[in-house]
PDB file of N, CA and C in Angstrom:
ATOM      1  N   MET A   1       0.843  -1.172   0.000  1.00  0.00           N
ATOM      2  CA  MET A   1       0.000   0.000   0.000  1.00  0.00           C
ATOM      3  C   MET A   1       0.898   1.248   0.000  1.00  0.00           C
ATOM      4  N   LYS A   2       0.701   2.083  -0.975  1.00  0.00           N
ATOM      5  CA  LYS A   2       1.558   3.256  -1.157  1.00  0.00           C
ATOM      6  C   LYS A   2       1.485   4.233   0.020  1.00  0.00           C
ATOM      7  N   LYS A   3       0.302   4.404   0.589  1.00  0.00           N
ATOM      8  CA  LYS A   3       0.155   5.344   1.702  1.00  0.00           C
ATOM      9  C   LYS A   3       0.959   4.895   2.922  1.00  0.00           C
ATOM     10  N   ILE A   4       1.026   3.583   3.135  1.00  0.00           N
ATOM     11  CA  ILE A   4       1.817   3.050   4.248  1.00  0.00           C
ATOM     12  C   ILE A   4       3.296   3.323   3.996  1.00  0.00           C
ATOM     13  N   LYS A   5       3.743   3.116   2.763  1.00  0.00           N
ATOM     14  CA  LYS A   5       5.141   3.402   2.418  1.00  0.00           C
ATOM     15  C   LYS A   5       5.464   4.870   2.651  1.00  0.00           C
ATOM     16  N   ASN A   6       4.521   5.749   2.329  1.00  0.00           N
ATOM     17  CA  ASN A   6       4.729   7.184   2.552  1.00  0.00           C
ATOM     18  C   ASN A   6       4.877   7.498   4.043  1.00  0.00           C
ATOM     19  N   ILE A   7       4.108   6.795   4.861  1.00  0.00           N
ATOM     20  CA  ILE A   7       4.216   6.984   6.313  1.00  0.00           C
ATOM     21  C   ILE A   7       5.606   6.581   6.783  1.00  0.00           C
ATOM     22  N   PHE A   8       6.079   5.428   6.317  1.00  0.00           N
ATOM     23  CA  PHE A   8       7.423   4.981   6.697  1.00  0.00           C
ATOM     24  C   PHE A   8       8.495   5.951   6.201  1.00  0.00           C
ATOM     25  N   GLN A   9       8.296   6.491   5.018  1.00  0.00           N
ATOM     26  CA  GLN A   9       9.250   7.460   4.474  1.00  0.00           C
ATOM     27  C   GLN A   9       9.321   8.704   5.369  1.00  0.00           C
ATOM     28  N   LYS A  10       8.168   9.193   5.787  1.00  0.00           N
ATOM     29  CA  LYS A  10       8.145  10.360   6.673  1.00  0.00           C
ATOM     30  C   LYS A  10       8.835  10.059   8.000  1.00  0.00           C
ATOM     31  N   LEU A  11       8.614   8.860   8.514  1.00  0.00           N
ATOM     32  CA  LEU A  11       9.255   8.492   9.775  1.00  0.00           C
ATOM     33  C   LEU A  11      10.772   8.447   9.625  1.00  0.00           C
ATOM     34  N   THR A  12      11.264   7.893   8.515  1.00  0.00           N
ATOM     35  CA  THR A  12      12.720   7.829   8.318  1.00  0.00           C
ATOM     36  C   THR A  12      13.321   9.220   8.148  1.00  0.00           C
ATOM     37  N   GLU A  13      12.517  10.147   7.669  1.00  0.00           N
ATOM     38  CA  GLU A  13      12.970  11.538   7.514  1.00  0.00           C
ATOM     39  C   GLU A  13      12.715  12.356   8.782  1.00  0.00           C
ATOM     40  N   ARG A  14      12.211  11.680   9.825  1.00  0.00           N
ATOM     41  CA  ARG A  14      11.908  12.301  11.118  1.00  0.00           C
ATOM     42  C   ARG A  14      10.942  13.475  10.998  1.00  0.00           C
ATOM     43  N   ARG A  15       9.943  13.277  10.131  1.00  0.00           N
ATOM     44  CA  ARG A  15       8.910  14.298   9.940  1.00  0.00           C
ATOM     45  C   ARG A  15       7.656  13.906  10.712  1.00  0.00           C
ATOM     46  N   GLU A  16       6.924  14.898  11.163  1.00  0.00           N
ATOM     47  CA  GLU A  16       5.707  14.667  11.944  1.00  0.00           C
ATOM     48  C   GLU A  16       4.611  14.057  11.075  1.00  0.00           C
ATOM     49  N   LEU A  17       3.915  13.068  11.635  1.00  0.00           N
ATOM     50  CA  LEU A  17       2.785  12.456  10.943  1.00  0.00           C
ATOM     51  C   LEU A  17       1.518  13.255  11.217  1.00  0.00           C
ATOM     52  N   SER A  18       0.641  13.283  10.244  1.00  0.00           N
ATOM     53  CA  SER A  18      -0.640  13.976  10.393  1.00  0.00           C
ATOM     54  C   SER A  18      -1.647  13.058  11.092  1.00  0.00           C
ATOM     55  N   TYR A  19      -2.739  13.653  11.543  1.00  0.00           N
ATOM     56  CA  TYR A  19      -3.834  12.879  12.131  1.00  0.00           C
ATOM     57  C   TYR A  19      -4.303  11.815  11.143  1.00  0.00           C
ATOM     58  N   LYS A  20      -4.469  12.213   9.901  1.00  0.00           N
ATOM     59  CA  LYS A  20      -4.969  11.310   8.858  1.00  0.00           C
ATOM     60  C   LYS A  20      -4.027  10.116   8.657  1.00  0.00           C
ATOM     61  N   GLU A  21      -2.717  10.361   8.671  1.00  0.00           N
ATOM     62  CA  GLU A  21      -1.742   9.276   8.482  1.00  0.00           C
ATOM     63  C   GLU A  21      -1.754   8.313   9.665  1.00  0.00           C
ATOM     64  N   ILE A  22      -1.801   8.851  10.859  1.00  0.00           N
ATOM     65  CA  ILE A  22      -1.840   7.994  12.049  1.00  0.00           C
ATOM     66  C   ILE A  22      -3.133   7.190  12.076  1.00  0.00           C
ATOM     67  N   LYS A  23      -4.240   7.830  11.769  1.00  0.00           N
ATOM     68  CA  LYS A  23      -5.540   7.128  11.737  1.00  0.00           C
ATOM     69  C   LYS A  23      -5.517   6.012  10.709  1.00  0.00           C
ATOM     70  N   LEU A  24      -4.953   6.280   9.537  1.00  0.00           N
ATOM     71  CA  LEU A  24      -4.853   5.262   8.493  1.00  0.00           C
ATOM     72  C   LEU A  24      -4.085   4.048   9.004  1.00  0.00           C
ATOM     73  N   PHE A  25      -2.933   4.285   9.626  1.00  0.00           N
ATOM     74  CA  PHE A  25      -2.126   3.159  10.082  1.00  0.00           C
ATOM     75  C   PHE A  25      -2.833   2.393  11.197  1.00  0.00           C
ATOM     76  N   LEU A  26      -3.418   3.091  12.150  1.00  0.00           N
ATOM     77  CA  LEU A  26      -4.121   2.404  13.231  1.00  0.00           C
ATOM     78  C   LEU A  26      -5.350   1.660  12.721  1.00  0.00           C
ATOM     79  N   ASP A  27      -6.025   2.202  11.727  1.00  0.00           N
ATOM     80  CA  ASP A  27      -7.139   1.482  11.091  1.00  0.00           C
ATOM     81  C   ASP A  27      -6.637   0.200  10.430  1.00  0.00           C
ATOM     82  N   CYS A  28      -5.471   0.281   9.795  1.00  0.00           N
ATOM     83  CA  CYS A  28      -4.885  -0.909   9.154  1.00  0.00           C
ATOM     84  C   CYS A  28      -4.544  -1.971  10.193  1.00  0.00           C
ATOM     85  N   ILE A  29      -4.062  -1.540  11.354  1.00  0.00           N
ATOM     86  CA  ILE A  29      -3.794  -2.495  12.436  1.00  0.00           C
ATOM     87  C   ILE A  29      -5.102  -3.156  12.855  1.00  0.00           C
ATOM     88  N   ASP A  30      -6.126  -2.353  13.079  1.00  0.00           N
ATOM     89  CA  ASP A  30      -7.423  -2.861  13.527  1.00  0.00           C
ATOM     90  C   ASP A  30      -8.019  -3.863  12.545  1.00  0.00           C
ATOM     91  N   LYS A  31      -7.799  -3.643  11.269  1.00  0.00           N
ATOM     92  CA  LYS A  31      -8.374  -4.505  10.231  1.00  0.00           C
ATOM     93  C   LYS A  31      -7.393  -5.568   9.735  1.00  0.00           C
ATOM     94  N   SER A  32      -6.279  -5.740  10.453  1.00  0.00           N
ATOM     95  CA  SER A  32      -5.248  -6.737  10.104  1.00  0.00           C
ATOM     96  C   SER A  32      -4.730  -6.567   8.681  1.00  0.00           C
ATOM     97  N   LYS A  33      -4.562  -5.322   8.246  1.00  0.00           N
ATOM     98  CA  LYS A  33      -4.061  -5.051   6.898  1.00  0.00           C
ATOM     99  C   LYS A  33      -2.566  -4.754   6.878  1.00  0.00           C
ATOM    100  N   VAL A  34      -1.929  -4.791   8.048  1.00  0.00           N
ATOM    101  CA  VAL A  34      -0.481  -4.635   8.129  1.00  0.00           C
ATOM    102  C   VAL A  34       0.080  -5.818   8.908  1.00  0.00           C
ATOM    103  N   THR A  35       1.322  -6.139   8.641  1.00  0.00           N
ATOM    104  CA  THR A  35       1.969  -7.280   9.291  1.00  0.00           C
ATOM    105  C   THR A  35       2.533  -6.864  10.650  1.00  0.00           C
ATOM    106  N   PRO A  36       2.822  -7.853  11.501  1.00  0.00           N
ATOM    107  CA  PRO A  36       3.488  -7.524  12.764  1.00  0.00           C
ATOM    108  C   PRO A  36       4.816  -6.780  12.543  1.00  0.00           C
ATOM    109  N   SER A  37       5.527  -7.127  11.480  1.00  0.00           N
ATOM    110  CA  SER A  37       6.782  -6.427  11.172  1.00  0.00           C
ATOM    111  C   SER A  37       6.531  -4.961  10.848  1.00  0.00           C
ATOM    112  N   GLN A  38       5.465  -4.689  10.117  1.00  0.00           N
ATOM    113  CA  GLN A  38       5.131  -3.302   9.789  1.00  0.00           C
ATOM    114  C   GLN A  38       4.711  -2.528  11.041  1.00  0.00           C
ATOM    115  N   ILE A  39       3.992  -3.190  11.918  1.00  0.00           N
ATOM    116  CA  ILE A  39       3.602  -2.542  13.173  1.00  0.00           C
ATOM    117  C   ILE A  39       4.855  -2.203  13.980  1.00  0.00           C
ATOM    118  N   GLY A  40       5.776  -3.162  14.054  1.00  0.00           N
ATOM    119  CA  GLY A  40       7.039  -2.927  14.759  1.00  0.00           C
ATOM    120  C   GLY A  40       7.833  -1.789  14.139  1.00  0.00           C
ATOM    121  N   ALA A  41       7.861  -1.746  12.810  1.00  0.00           N
ATOM    122  CA  ALA A  41       8.582  -0.671  12.114  1.00  0.00           C
ATOM    123  C   ALA A  41       7.945   0.683  12.405  1.00  0.00           C
ATOM    124  N   PHE A  42       6.627   0.724  12.433  1.00  0.00           N
ATOM    125  CA  PHE A  42       5.901   1.962  12.735  1.00  0.00           C
ATOM    126  C   PHE A  42       6.247   2.451  14.142  1.00  0.00           C
ATOM    127  N   LEU A  43       6.170   1.547  15.112  1.00  0.00           N
ATOM    128  CA  LEU A  43       6.467   1.921  16.493  1.00  0.00           C
ATOM    129  C   LEU A  43       7.924   2.331  16.666  1.00  0.00           C
ATOM    130  N   MET A  44       8.827   1.591  16.030  1.00  0.00           N
ATOM    131  CA  MET A  44      10.247   1.929  16.117  1.00  0.00           C
ATOM    132  C   MET A  44      10.522   3.269  15.439  1.00  0.00           C
ATOM    133  N   GLY A  45       9.849   3.518  14.315  1.00  0.00           N
ATOM    134  CA  GLY A  45      10.003   4.799  13.628  1.00  0.00           C
ATOM    135  C   GLY A  45       9.566   5.959  14.501  1.00  0.00           C
ATOM    136  N   LEU A  46       8.444   5.791  15.189  1.00  0.00           N
ATOM    137  CA  LEU A  46       7.975   6.833  16.103  1.00  0.00           C
ATOM    138  C   LEU A  46       8.963   7.038  17.251  1.00  0.00           C
ATOM    139  N   LYS A  47       9.479   5.934  17.779  1.00  0.00           N
ATOM    140  CA  LYS A  47      10.439   6.005  18.886  1.00  0.00           C
ATOM    141  C   LYS A  47      11.721   6.708  18.456  1.00  0.00           C
ATOM    142  N   MET A  48      12.247   6.327  17.301  1.00  0.00           N
ATOM    143  CA  MET A  48      13.505   6.909  16.816  1.00  0.00           C
ATOM    144  C   MET A  48      13.334   8.388  16.463  1.00  0.00           C
ATOM    145  N   LYS A  49      12.198   8.731  15.887  1.00  0.00           N
ATOM    146  CA  LYS A  49      11.918  10.107  15.493  1.00  0.00           C
ATOM    147  C   LYS A  49      11.633  10.960  16.723  1.00  0.00           C
ATOM    148  N   GLY A  50      10.948  10.356  17.673  1.00  0.00           N
ATOM    149  CA  GLY A  50      10.474  11.096  18.837  1.00  0.00           C
ATOM    150  C   GLY A  50       9.061  11.589  18.567  1.00  0.00           C
ATOM    151  N   LEU A  51       8.180  11.330  19.496  1.00  0.00           N
ATOM    152  CA  LEU A  51       6.780  11.731  19.329  1.00  0.00           C
ATOM    153  C   LEU A  51       6.604  13.223  19.597  1.00  0.00           C
ATOM    154  N   SER A  52       5.860  13.876  18.723  1.00  0.00           N
ATOM    155  CA  SER A  52       5.507  15.281  18.948  1.00  0.00           C
ATOM    156  C   SER A  52       4.264  15.327  19.839  1.00  0.00           C
ATOM    157  N   ILE A  53       3.994  16.482  20.392  1.00  0.00           N
ATOM    158  CA  ILE A  53       2.777  16.667  21.194  1.00  0.00           C
ATOM    159  C   ILE A  53       1.544  16.353  20.349  1.00  0.00           C
ATOM    160  N   ASN A  54       1.543  16.815  19.095  1.00  0.00           N
ATOM    161  CA  ASN A  54       0.405  16.553  18.204  1.00  0.00           C
ATOM    162  C   ASN A  54       0.215  15.058  17.983  1.00  0.00           C
ATOM    163  N   GLU A  55       1.308  14.331  17.732  1.00  0.00           N
ATOM    164  CA  GLU A  55       1.202  12.889  17.484  1.00  0.00           C
ATOM    165  C   GLU A  55       0.666  12.164  18.714  1.00  0.00           C
ATOM    166  N   ILE A  56       1.120  12.561  19.896  1.00  0.00           N
ATOM    167  CA  ILE A  56       0.609  11.954  21.128  1.00  0.00           C
ATOM    168  C   ILE A  56      -0.894  12.208  21.240  1.00  0.00           C
ATOM    169  N   PHE A  57      -1.306  13.435  20.960  1.00  0.00           N
ATOM    170  CA  PHE A  57      -2.730  13.781  21.005  1.00  0.00           C
ATOM    171  C   PHE A  57      -3.525  12.958  19.994  1.00  0.00           C
ATOM    172  N   TYR A  58      -3.022  12.871  18.753  1.00  0.00           N
ATOM    173  CA  TYR A  58      -3.728  12.124  17.703  1.00  0.00           C
ATOM    174  C   TYR A  58      -3.864  10.653  18.078  1.00  0.00           C
ATOM    175  N   ILE A  59      -2.772  10.045  18.524  1.00  0.00           N
ATOM    176  CA  ILE A  59      -2.799   8.620  18.874  1.00  0.00           C
ATOM    177  C   ILE A  59      -3.783   8.383  20.016  1.00  0.00           C
ATOM    178  N   THR A  60      -3.733   9.238  21.026  1.00  0.00           N
ATOM    179  CA  THR A  60      -4.647   9.107  22.163  1.00  0.00           C
ATOM    180  C   THR A  60      -6.098   9.230  21.721  1.00  0.00           C
ATOM    181  N   LYS A  61      -6.373  10.227  20.902  1.00  0.00           N
ATOM    182  CA  LYS A  61      -7.745  10.446  20.415  1.00  0.00           C
ATOM    183  C   LYS A  61      -8.241   9.241  19.610  1.00  0.00           C
ATOM    184  N   ILE A  62      -7.403   8.729  18.729  1.00  0.00           N
ATOM    185  CA  ILE A  62      -7.786   7.594  17.881  1.00  0.00           C
ATOM    186  C   ILE A  62      -7.964   6.331  18.717  1.00  0.00           C
ATOM    187  N   MET A  63      -7.045   6.077  19.649  1.00  0.00           N
ATOM    188  CA  MET A  63      -7.150   4.881  20.487  1.00  0.00           C
ATOM    189  C   MET A  63      -8.428   4.906  21.325  1.00  0.00           C
ATOM    190  N   ARG A  64      -8.832   6.080  21.771  1.00  0.00           N
ATOM    191  CA  ARG A  64     -10.082   6.184  22.532  1.00  0.00           C
ATOM    192  C   ARG A  64     -11.286   5.841  21.664  1.00  0.00           C
ATOM    193  N   MET A  65     -11.182   6.097  20.367  1.00  0.00           N
ATOM    194  CA  MET A  65     -12.274   5.739  19.454  1.00  0.00           C
ATOM    195  C   MET A  65     -12.434   4.222  19.374  1.00  0.00           C
ATOM    196  N   TYR A  66     -11.323   3.489  19.536  1.00  0.00           N
ATOM    197  CA  TYR A  66     -11.364   2.026  19.476  1.00  0.00           C
ATOM    198  C   TYR A  66     -11.800   1.398  20.799  1.00  0.00           C
ATOM    199  N   ALA A  67     -11.740   2.154  21.879  1.00  0.00           N
ATOM    200  CA  ALA A  67     -12.045   1.610  23.204  1.00  0.00           C
ATOM    201  C   ALA A  67     -13.509   1.199  23.292  1.00  0.00           C
ATOM    202  N   ARG A  68     -13.725   0.094  23.967  1.00  0.00           N
ATOM    203  CA  ARG A  68     -15.091  -0.370  24.201  1.00  0.00           C
ATOM    204  C   ARG A  68     -15.505   0.064  25.592  1.00  0.00           C
ATOM    205  N   GLN A  69     -16.623   0.741  25.667  1.00  0.00           N
ATOM    206  CA  GLN A  69     -17.126   1.184  26.956  1.00  0.00           C
ATOM    207  C   GLN A  69     -17.957   0.064  27.566  1.00  0.00           C
ATOM    208  N   ILE A  70     -17.700  -0.201  28.832  1.00  0.00           N
ATOM    209  CA  ILE A  70     -18.475  -1.233  29.519  1.00  0.00           C
ATOM    210  C   ILE A  70     -19.380  -0.568  30.548  1.00  0.00           C
ATOM    211  N   LYS A  71     -20.495  -1.201  30.813  1.00  0.00           N
ATOM    212  CA  LYS A  71     -21.447  -0.701  31.809  1.00  0.00           C
ATOM    213  C   LYS A  71     -21.877  -1.873  32.688  1.00  0.00           C
ATOM    214  N   PRO A  72     -20.983  -2.287  33.595  1.00  0.00           N
ATOM    215  CA  PRO A  72     -21.314  -3.430  34.446  1.00  0.00           C
ATOM    216  C   PRO A  72     -22.445  -3.099  35.412  1.00  0.00           C
ATOM    217  N   LYS A  73     -23.224  -4.110  35.720  1.00  0.00           N
ATOM    218  CA  LYS A  73     -24.369  -3.931  36.616  1.00  0.00           C
ATOM    219  C   LYS A  73     -23.934  -4.261  38.043  1.00  0.00           C
ATOM    220  N   VAL A  74     -23.211  -3.322  38.640  1.00  0.00           N
ATOM    221  CA  VAL A  74     -22.744  -3.477  40.020  1.00  0.00           C
ATOM    222  C   VAL A  74     -23.121  -2.232  40.806  1.00  0.00           C
ATOM    223  N   LYS A  75     -23.237  -2.407  42.115  1.00  0.00           N
ATOM    224  CA  LYS A  75     -23.631  -1.278  42.959  1.00  0.00           C
ATOM    225  C   LYS A  75     -22.432  -0.525  43.523  1.00  0.00           C
ATOM    226  N   LYS A  76     -21.306  -1.206  43.647  1.00  0.00           N
ATOM    227  CA  LYS A  76     -20.123  -0.573  44.238  1.00  0.00           C
ATOM    228  C   LYS A  76     -19.196  -0.061  43.131  1.00  0.00           C
ATOM    229  N   PRO A  77     -18.365   0.927  43.464  1.00  0.00           N
ATOM    230  CA  PRO A  77     -17.418   1.445  42.463  1.00  0.00           C
ATOM    231  C   PRO A  77     -16.419   0.367  42.030  1.00  0.00           C
ATOM    232  N   LEU A  78     -15.948   0.481  40.819  1.00  0.00           N
ATOM    233  CA  LEU A  78     -14.949  -0.435  40.280  1.00  0.00           C
ATOM    234  C   LEU A  78     -13.623   0.293  40.119  1.00  0.00           C
ATOM    235  N   ILE A  79     -12.536  -0.482  40.117  1.00  0.00           N
ATOM    236  CA  ILE A  79     -11.217   0.084  39.879  1.00  0.00           C
ATOM    237  C   ILE A  79     -10.472  -0.824  38.909  1.00  0.00           C
ATOM    238  N   ASP A  80      -9.729  -0.230  38.008  1.00  0.00           N
ATOM    239  CA  ASP A  80      -8.923  -0.983  37.050  1.00  0.00           C
ATOM    240  C   ASP A  80      -7.495  -1.014  37.561  1.00  0.00           C
ATOM    241  N   THR A  81      -6.959  -2.203  37.734  1.00  0.00           N
ATOM    242  CA  THR A  81      -5.601  -2.322  38.263  1.00  0.00           C
ATOM    243  C   THR A  81      -4.629  -2.896  37.245  1.00  0.00           C
ATOM    244  N   CYS A  82      -4.908  -2.702  35.994  1.00  0.00           N
ATOM    245  CA  CYS A  82      -4.054  -3.245  34.941  1.00  0.00           C
ATOM    246  C   CYS A  82      -2.745  -2.475  34.866  1.00  0.00           C
ATOM    247  N   GLY A  83      -1.640  -3.194  34.838  1.00  0.00           N
ATOM    248  CA  GLY A  83      -0.323  -2.575  34.690  1.00  0.00           C
ATOM    249  C   GLY A  83       0.270  -2.908  33.342  1.00  0.00           C
ATOM    250  N   THR A  84       1.301  -2.169  32.968  1.00  0.00           N
ATOM    251  CA  THR A  84       1.943  -2.387  31.664  1.00  0.00           C
ATOM    252  C   THR A  84       3.119  -3.341  31.743  1.00  0.00           C
ATOM    253  N   GLY A  85       3.604  -3.614  32.950  1.00  0.00           N
ATOM    254  CA  GLY A  85       4.789  -4.452  33.085  1.00  0.00           C
ATOM    255  C   GLY A  85       6.072  -3.675  32.887  1.00  0.00           C
ATOM    256  N   GLY A  86       5.963  -2.376  32.747  1.00  0.00           N
ATOM    257  CA  GLY A  86       7.135  -1.548  32.483  1.00  0.00           C
ATOM    258  C   GLY A  86       8.048  -1.358  33.677  1.00  0.00           C
ATOM    259  N   GLY A  87       7.574  -1.610  34.870  1.00  0.00           N
ATOM    260  CA  GLY A  87       8.386  -1.407  36.071  1.00  0.00           C
ATOM    261  C   GLY A  87       8.874  -2.711  36.665  1.00  0.00           C
ATOM    262  N   ILE A  88       9.314  -3.623  35.845  1.00  0.00           N
ATOM    263  CA  ILE A  88       9.693  -4.985  36.251  1.00  0.00           C
ATOM    264  C   ILE A  88      10.570  -5.042  37.516  1.00  0.00           C
ATOM    265  N   PRO A  89      11.652  -4.260  37.634  1.00  0.00           N
ATOM    266  CA  PRO A  89      12.508  -4.433  38.813  1.00  0.00           C
ATOM    267  C   PRO A  89      11.944  -3.791  40.088  1.00  0.00           C
ATOM    268  N   THR A  90      10.739  -3.246  40.017  1.00  0.00           N
ATOM    269  CA  THR A  90      10.159  -2.568  41.180  1.00  0.00           C
ATOM    270  C   THR A  90       8.932  -3.324  41.671  1.00  0.00           C
ATOM    271  N   ILE A  91       8.392  -2.870  42.777  1.00  0.00           N
ATOM    272  CA  ILE A  91       7.165  -3.469  43.307  1.00  0.00           C
ATOM    273  C   ILE A  91       6.027  -3.273  42.303  1.00  0.00           C
ATOM    274  N   ASN A  92       5.159  -4.243  42.232  1.00  0.00           N
ATOM    275  CA  ASN A  92       4.027  -4.169  41.315  1.00  0.00           C
ATOM    276  C   ASN A  92       2.946  -3.283  41.928  1.00  0.00           C
ATOM    277  N   ILE A  93       2.863  -2.055  41.446  1.00  0.00           N
ATOM    278  CA  ILE A  93       1.905  -1.084  41.979  1.00  0.00           C
ATOM    279  C   ILE A  93       0.467  -1.541  41.752  1.00  0.00           C
ATOM    280  N   SER A  94       0.211  -2.210  40.631  1.00  0.00           N
ATOM    281  CA  SER A  94      -1.149  -2.676  40.337  1.00  0.00           C
ATOM    282  C   SER A  94      -1.644  -3.621  41.422  1.00  0.00           C
ATOM    283  N   THR A  95      -0.780  -4.514  41.871  1.00  0.00           N
ATOM    284  CA  THR A  95      -1.152  -5.455  42.922  1.00  0.00           C
ATOM    285  C   THR A  95      -1.399  -4.720  44.232  1.00  0.00           C
ATOM    286  N   ALA A  96      -0.539  -3.765  44.548  1.00  0.00           N
ATOM    287  CA  ALA A  96      -0.702  -2.991  45.781  1.00  0.00           C
ATOM    288  C   ALA A  96      -2.031  -2.239  45.776  1.00  0.00           C
ATOM    289  N   VAL A  97      -2.386  -1.660  44.651  1.00  0.00           N
ATOM    290  CA  VAL A  97      -3.654  -0.932  44.531  1.00  0.00           C
ATOM    291  C   VAL A  97      -4.827  -1.880  44.753  1.00  0.00           C
ATOM    292  N   ALA A  98      -4.762  -3.077  44.187  1.00  0.00           N
ATOM    293  CA  ALA A  98      -5.848  -4.049  44.340  1.00  0.00           C
ATOM    294  C   ALA A  98      -6.018  -4.448  45.803  1.00  0.00           C
ATOM    295  N   ILE A  99      -4.915  -4.600  46.518  1.00  0.00           N
ATOM    296  CA  ILE A  99      -4.982  -4.988  47.931  1.00  0.00           C
ATOM    297  C   ILE A  99      -5.580  -3.860  48.768  1.00  0.00           C
ATOM    298  N   VAL A 100      -5.136  -2.635  48.517  1.00  0.00           N
ATOM    299  CA  VAL A 100      -5.641  -1.483  49.268  1.00  0.00           C
ATOM    300  C   VAL A 100      -7.124  -1.262  48.999  1.00  0.00           C
ATOM    301  N   ALA A 101      -7.528  -1.415  47.750  1.00  0.00           N
ATOM    302  CA  ALA A 101      -8.931  -1.191  47.380  1.00  0.00           C
ATOM    303  C   ALA A 101      -9.806  -2.237  48.029  1.00  0.00           C
TER     304      ALA A 101
END
């Protein structure tokens, strides 16, 4: 897909991606139209280039569009204790939060 190649070209040139380009790539991920290697290249390109404030905003906005809202039928408040695993050598904060809650 030529548009995907253009996105990779912009990343290699360390140029900022537009909302439309980011949305296109994330849509391709959602619809399995890109390979795991292409996804890795996209993420590595963003990392090497460095994310701009606009790109962070665009990615956040688009990812929220993909989020599924749940409405559980419970009377008490709920808390999400999901962690990313990014703090491996430290205490697991997610577990601590679950215990305190």
